[in-house]
Structures are given as structure tokens and as C-alpha cells.
Protein backbone atom coordinates (compact mmCIF):
# COMPACT_ATOMS: atom_id res chain seq x y z
CA MET A 1 -0.20 -0.08 0.18
CA PHE A 2 2.75 2.69 0.78
CA ASN A 3 4.77 1.80 -2.43
CA GLY A 4 1.22 2.17 -4.16
CA LEU A 5 0.88 5.77 -2.57
CA VAL A 6 4.69 6.53 -3.29
CA ALA A 7 4.18 5.51 -7.47
CA TYR A 8 1.25 7.54 -7.10
CA LEU A 9 2.50 10.67 -5.50
CA ASP A 10 5.38 10.09 -8.08
CA SER A 11 3.28 9.73 -11.09
CA ILE A 12 1.88 13.51 -10.08
CA LYS A 13 4.98 15.28 -9.75
CA ALA A 14 6.12 13.92 -12.90
CA ARG A 15 2.58 15.84 -14.08
CA ASP A 16 3.05 18.60 -12.76
CA PRO A 17 6.42 20.96 -12.22
CA ALA A 18 5.15 23.08 -9.24
CA PRO A 19 5.71 20.53 -5.95
CA ARG A 20 9.21 20.32 -4.45
CA SER A 21 8.32 17.13 -2.22
CA ARG A 22 5.40 14.29 -2.34
CA TRP A 23 4.48 15.98 1.33
CA GLU A 24 3.31 18.85 -0.33
CA ILE A 25 1.46 16.41 -3.11
CA LEU A 26 -0.11 15.15 0.02
CA LEU A 27 -2.07 18.75 0.84
CA TYR A 28 -3.34 18.70 -3.35
CA PRO A 29 -7.07 18.73 -3.14
CA GLY A 30 -7.61 16.62 -6.24
CA LEU A 31 -5.47 13.49 -4.45
CA VAL A 32 -7.81 13.81 -1.51
CA ALA A 33 -10.60 14.23 -3.54
CA VAL A 34 -9.93 10.88 -5.30
CA GLY A 35 -9.24 9.14 -1.73
CA MET A 36 -12.22 9.97 -0.29
CA HIS A 37 -13.88 8.63 -3.44
CA ARG A 38 -12.31 5.31 -2.99
CA ILE A 39 -13.62 5.26 0.40
CA ALA A 40 -17.31 6.38 -0.94
CA HIS A 41 -16.95 3.98 -4.18
CA TRP A 42 -16.10 0.83 -1.51
CA LEU A 43 -19.15 1.90 0.10
CA PHE A 44 -21.67 2.47 -2.74
CA GLU A 45 -20.63 -0.69 -4.02
CA ALA A 46 -21.59 -2.39 -0.81
CA ARG A 47 -24.73 -0.54 -0.72
CA LEU A 48 -24.39 1.19 2.44
CA PHE A 49 -25.54 4.70 -0.34
CA PHE A 50 -26.28 7.03 2.47
CA LEU A 51 -22.65 6.52 3.61
CA ALA A 52 -21.39 6.38 0.28
CA ARG A 53 -23.01 9.54 -0.48
CA PHE A 54 -22.22 11.30 3.15
CA VAL A 55 -18.66 10.58 2.23
CA ASN A 56 -18.73 12.20 -1.10
CA HIS A 57 -20.88 15.26 0.11
CA LEU A 58 -18.11 15.79 3.01
CA SER A 59 -14.99 15.52 0.20
CA ARG A 60 -17.34 18.12 -1.83
CA PHE A 61 -17.36 20.39 1.26
CA LEU A 62 -13.31 20.19 1.51
CA THR A 63 -12.22 19.85 -2.06
CA ALA A 64 -14.91 21.38 -4.11
CA VAL A 65 -14.39 18.65 -6.60
CA ASP A 66 -17.39 16.41 -6.54
CA ILE A 67 -17.19 12.57 -7.78
CA HIS A 68 -20.28 10.84 -7.41
CA PRO A 69 -20.01 8.04 -5.61
CA GLY A 70 -20.87 5.51 -8.34
CA ALA A 71 -18.09 6.73 -11.00
CA THR A 72 -15.14 3.65 -11.18
CA ILE A 73 -11.64 5.45 -11.46
CA GLY A 74 -8.28 3.74 -12.61
CA ARG A 75 -4.86 4.43 -10.84
CA HIS A 76 -2.80 7.71 -10.99
CA LEU A 77 -5.73 10.06 -11.66
CA PHE A 78 -4.32 13.78 -11.42
CA ILE A 79 -6.82 16.57 -10.31
CA ASP A 80 -4.56 19.56 -10.89
CA HIS A 81 -5.75 22.19 -8.64
CA GLY A 82 -9.16 20.53 -8.90
CA PHE A 83 -12.03 23.13 -8.23
CA GLY A 84 -15.60 22.65 -9.73
CA VAL A 85 -14.52 19.23 -11.47
CA VAL A 86 -17.87 16.99 -11.94
CA ILE A 87 -17.51 13.36 -12.14
CA GLY A 88 -20.81 11.71 -12.91
CA GLU A 89 -22.20 8.52 -11.60
CA THR A 90 -21.89 6.36 -14.73
CA ALA A 91 -18.19 8.01 -15.83
CA GLU A 92 -14.85 5.89 -15.98
CA ILE A 93 -11.41 7.15 -16.30
CA GLY A 94 -8.63 4.63 -17.22
CA ASP A 95 -4.79 4.88 -15.66
CA ASN A 96 -2.73 8.03 -15.83
CA VAL A 97 -5.80 10.37 -16.55
CA SER A 98 -5.12 13.60 -16.18
CA ILE A 99 -8.08 16.45 -15.68
CA TYR A 100 -7.76 20.02 -14.94
CA GLN A 101 -10.46 22.72 -12.79
CA GLY A 102 -13.59 23.24 -13.97
CA VAL A 103 -13.89 19.48 -15.94
CA THR A 104 -17.11 18.33 -16.32
CA LEU A 105 -18.08 14.38 -17.35
CA GLY A 106 -21.60 15.03 -17.49
CA GLY A 107 -24.34 12.96 -18.37
CA THR A 108 -27.25 12.71 -20.86
CA ASP A 109 -30.70 11.72 -19.98
CA PRO A 110 -31.50 8.31 -21.63
CA ALA A 111 -33.72 8.07 -24.43
CA ASN A 112 -35.97 5.21 -23.40
CA GLY A 113 -35.89 7.20 -19.67
CA ILE A 114 -34.35 4.28 -17.82
CA GLY A 115 -30.91 4.95 -16.36
CA GLY A 116 -27.86 3.68 -17.64
CA LYS A 117 -24.68 4.69 -19.03
CA ARG A 118 -24.76 8.11 -19.39
CA HIS A 119 -21.71 9.74 -18.65
CA PRO A 120 -18.24 9.53 -20.85
CA THR A 121 -15.41 6.89 -20.58
CA LEU A 122 -11.93 8.16 -20.92
CA ALA A 123 -9.15 5.76 -21.45
CA ASP A 124 -5.58 5.70 -20.15
CA ASP A 125 -3.60 8.46 -20.43
CA VAL A 126 -6.33 11.16 -21.34
CA ILE A 127 -5.61 14.84 -20.65
CA VAL A 128 -8.66 16.93 -20.06
CA GLY A 129 -7.99 20.70 -20.17
CA SER A 130 -9.43 23.46 -17.84
CA GLY A 131 -12.95 24.13 -18.43
CA ALA A 132 -13.99 21.15 -21.07
CA GLN A 133 -17.29 19.56 -20.91
CA ILE A 134 -17.37 15.63 -21.92
CA LEU A 135 -21.04 14.82 -22.47
CA GLY A 136 -22.98 11.80 -22.31
CA PRO A 137 -21.84 7.99 -23.03
CA VAL A 138 -19.06 9.16 -25.16
CA THR A 139 -15.43 7.69 -25.32
CA VAL A 140 -12.41 9.55 -24.96
CA ASN A 141 -9.97 6.87 -26.57
CA ALA A 142 -6.50 6.55 -25.23
CA ARG A 143 -3.44 9.44 -25.34
CA ALA A 144 -6.53 11.77 -26.16
CA ARG A 145 -5.71 15.65 -25.50
CA ILE A 146 -9.12 17.85 -24.55
CA GLY A 147 -8.49 21.61 -25.28
CA ALA A 148 -9.10 24.11 -22.13
CA ASN A 149 -13.21 25.19 -22.41
CA ALA A 150 -13.45 22.72 -25.46
CA VAL A 151 -17.15 20.61 -25.27
CA VAL A 152 -17.27 17.22 -26.48
CA THR A 153 -20.64 15.60 -27.18
CA LYS A 154 -18.94 12.45 -29.73
CA ASP A 155 -16.61 9.70 -29.69
CA VAL A 156 -12.99 11.04 -29.30
CA PRO A 157 -9.96 8.98 -31.72
CA GLU A 158 -7.00 7.73 -29.83
CA GLY A 159 -4.49 10.46 -29.79
CA ALA A 160 -6.77 13.10 -31.26
CA VAL A 161 -6.08 16.94 -29.68
CA MET A 162 -9.68 18.05 -29.41
CA VAL A 163 -10.59 21.83 -29.65
CA GLY A 164 -13.33 24.16 -29.87
CA ILE A 165 -17.44 24.22 -29.34
CA PRO A 166 -18.62 21.76 -30.29
CA ALA A 167 -14.93 20.15 -29.94
CA ARG A 168 -13.11 19.21 -33.18
CA SER A 169 -9.82 17.57 -33.96
CA THR A 170 -6.50 19.91 -34.82
CA LEU A 171 -4.10 18.87 -37.30
CA LEU A 172 -1.42 17.73 -34.86
CA ASP A 173 1.69 15.31 -36.18
CA ALA A 174 1.24 12.14 -34.42
CA THR A 175 4.87 12.24 -33.44
CA GLU A 176 4.14 14.62 -31.36
CA TYR A 177 1.24 13.50 -29.23
CA ALA A 178 3.30 9.99 -28.70
CA ARG A 179 5.54 12.16 -26.26
CA GLU A 180 4.95 10.50 -22.42
CA PHE A 181 3.10 13.58 -20.88
CA VAL A 182 2.85 17.43 -22.02
CA PRO A 183 0.88 20.03 -20.01
CA TYR A 184 -2.30 21.54 -20.16
CA GLY A 185 -3.78 18.81 -22.86
CA THR A 186 -1.49 20.50 -25.93
CA SER A 187 1.80 19.60 -27.64
CA CYS A 188 2.06 22.99 -29.11
CA SER A 189 5.37 24.27 -26.95
CA GLU A 190 7.46 23.62 -24.47
CA ASN A 191 6.09 26.79 -22.64
CA PHE A 192 2.59 27.00 -22.80
CA ASP A 193 0.46 28.79 -21.44
CA PRO A 194 -3.42 27.71 -20.66
CA ALA A 195 -4.60 31.45 -20.76
CA THR A 196 -3.64 31.50 -24.41
CA GLN A 197 -4.65 28.14 -25.31
CA LYS A 198 -6.63 28.63 -28.48
CA VAL A 199 -3.60 31.37 -30.14
CA GLU A 200 -1.39 29.04 -29.55
CA LEU A 201 -3.24 25.96 -31.13
CA LEU A 202 -4.03 27.80 -34.20
CA GLN A 203 -0.50 28.89 -34.36
CA CYS A 204 0.06 24.93 -33.87
CA GLN A 205 -1.95 24.09 -36.57
CA LEU A 206 -0.35 27.05 -39.26
CA ASP A 207 3.04 26.01 -38.60
CA LEU A 208 2.38 22.38 -39.64
CA MET A 209 0.22 23.76 -42.75
CA GLN A 210 3.36 25.71 -43.68
CA LYS A 211 5.36 22.91 -43.19
CA GLN A 212 3.08 20.29 -45.53
CA LEU A 213 3.03 23.40 -48.19
CA LYS A 214 6.77 23.54 -48.01
CA ALA A 215 7.32 19.76 -48.61
CA LEU A 216 4.50 19.86 -51.47
CA LEU A 217 6.48 23.16 -52.81
CA ASP A 218 9.82 21.00 -52.78
CA GLU A 219 8.54 17.98 -54.17
CA ARG A 220 6.95 20.06 -57.07
CA GLU A 221 10.47 21.65 -57.93
CA LEU A 222 12.37 18.30 -57.41
CA ALA A 223 9.66 17.39 -60.16
CA ALA A 224 10.73 19.95 -62.16
CA GLU A 225 13.67 19.28 -62.43
CA ASP A 226 13.65 15.86 -63.10
CA GLU A 227 11.21 16.69 -66.38
CA ALA A 228 14.04 19.41 -67.46
CA PRO A 229 16.36 17.25 -68.88
CA ARG A 230 13.59 14.85 -70.70
CA ARG A 231 12.31 17.60 -72.32
CA LYS A 232 15.72 18.95 -73.26
CA GLY A 233 16.44 15.53 -74.63
CA SER A 234 13.13 15.55 -76.71
CA ARG A 235 13.34 18.88 -78.41
CA THR A 236 17.35 17.61 -79.73
CA GLY A 237 16.33 14.31 -80.48
CA ALA A 238 13.50 16.20 -83.03
């Protein structure tokens, strides 16, 4: 159990440059919220619903993070800052997921009026930027990144970077998002500022399109150079 806690703290430290020690991370509201959710979820599965809700409300009072006792959470969930995060009852979260402040994993009413899977599923290594809303029983596949304030209502492909309302995929090279971890849900630059995320994402797309355009122009120039000797030879033969 102790080794598991140390591994959890180290996983947070790897994703957050702010803490100077593991002791500091123990005070993180997101870590407290996840720890209390483990207790609430155990009570929920034991059908001790009132006690589960009591722990849930106590956690929300202490941390401003509201995780329904029924939500399923994997290993090493990192809720950074945490304030205003809401995770619904049927949400499922994989391993090494990072969630920033103000995120909602919300539900939608089932069409037949019968309760069931109403909340999102986040696969392993997903990053959700601050203020993002992921609504309904959608699946955000592994290594996907949801940009700040994006609204996701459809399944997200593996490794995609989603921005906007409604969220849409950006044109990022797969070699960029294959890196181990990039803060704030985007791979635009090392000096990324979440306050200017939309501008930096647009700059990222522009840089990629410029590279693609240059590659096309270089390819056309090479093709023209190859064609010139053939044309000259055909004129000589005539």
C-alpha cells in the first residue's frame, strides 16, 4: 500500500512541475478528493448508499471536487487544482488520466427514460484541459487531449487533440502527441500558457500547414528538375 502511494505521488510529480516534494502533493485537493472517493466507492458497491453520499458530500465540502460514489476510477488519476470538477455516476476513468480545474464529465438523459450508461469513458493517458465539458456516454480513447473549454459530445479517436464548441480535432502530427506527457492537454510548445491555448493551437496548426506546403513545393520543384532533362532531350532528338 505504501509503495502504491509513493508511485501515485511520483506520477503526479512527473506531471506537475510545481511541487518540491511528495509531502506537498499530499495536500493537493485533487489527491484528497480521489482518496475520499475510494472510500465512497467502496461503500457504494456495498450498497451503503447513504454513507457513500455522506463521504461524497464531505469530500466536496473540503475540496470543491464532486465525484459521484458510483464513478469508476483507475490508477493515478491526477486532478490538478480541482476546483469545480464534476464526475458523474457512470463515468469511467482509466489509468494515468489528468484533469484540470472546472472539468465536467456530465450525463445525458437516456432516450427511454431508463437509467444506464449516461456519462463519459476516458481511456488511459487522457488529458482534459480546464473548463472542458465531456457530455454523455461517449468514449475518449487513449492519449487523447481535450483542450480548455472544449465541449465534447462524440467519441474521440486515439491520440486526437480536440478544441472548440463543439469539439473538433486539430491537425497535429502523430509524432508530437506520442510524447510521454505534455501539460494542459496540448503539444504546441514547451512554454505553453493555458490562458492563450486557442491562439497557440491555431499557431500550431499554421506551423504544420506551412511545413506541409513547403514539402509540396519542394516535391514539385524536384519533379520539375527531373522533367527538364527529358524535355531537353526530346527537343534535341527532334
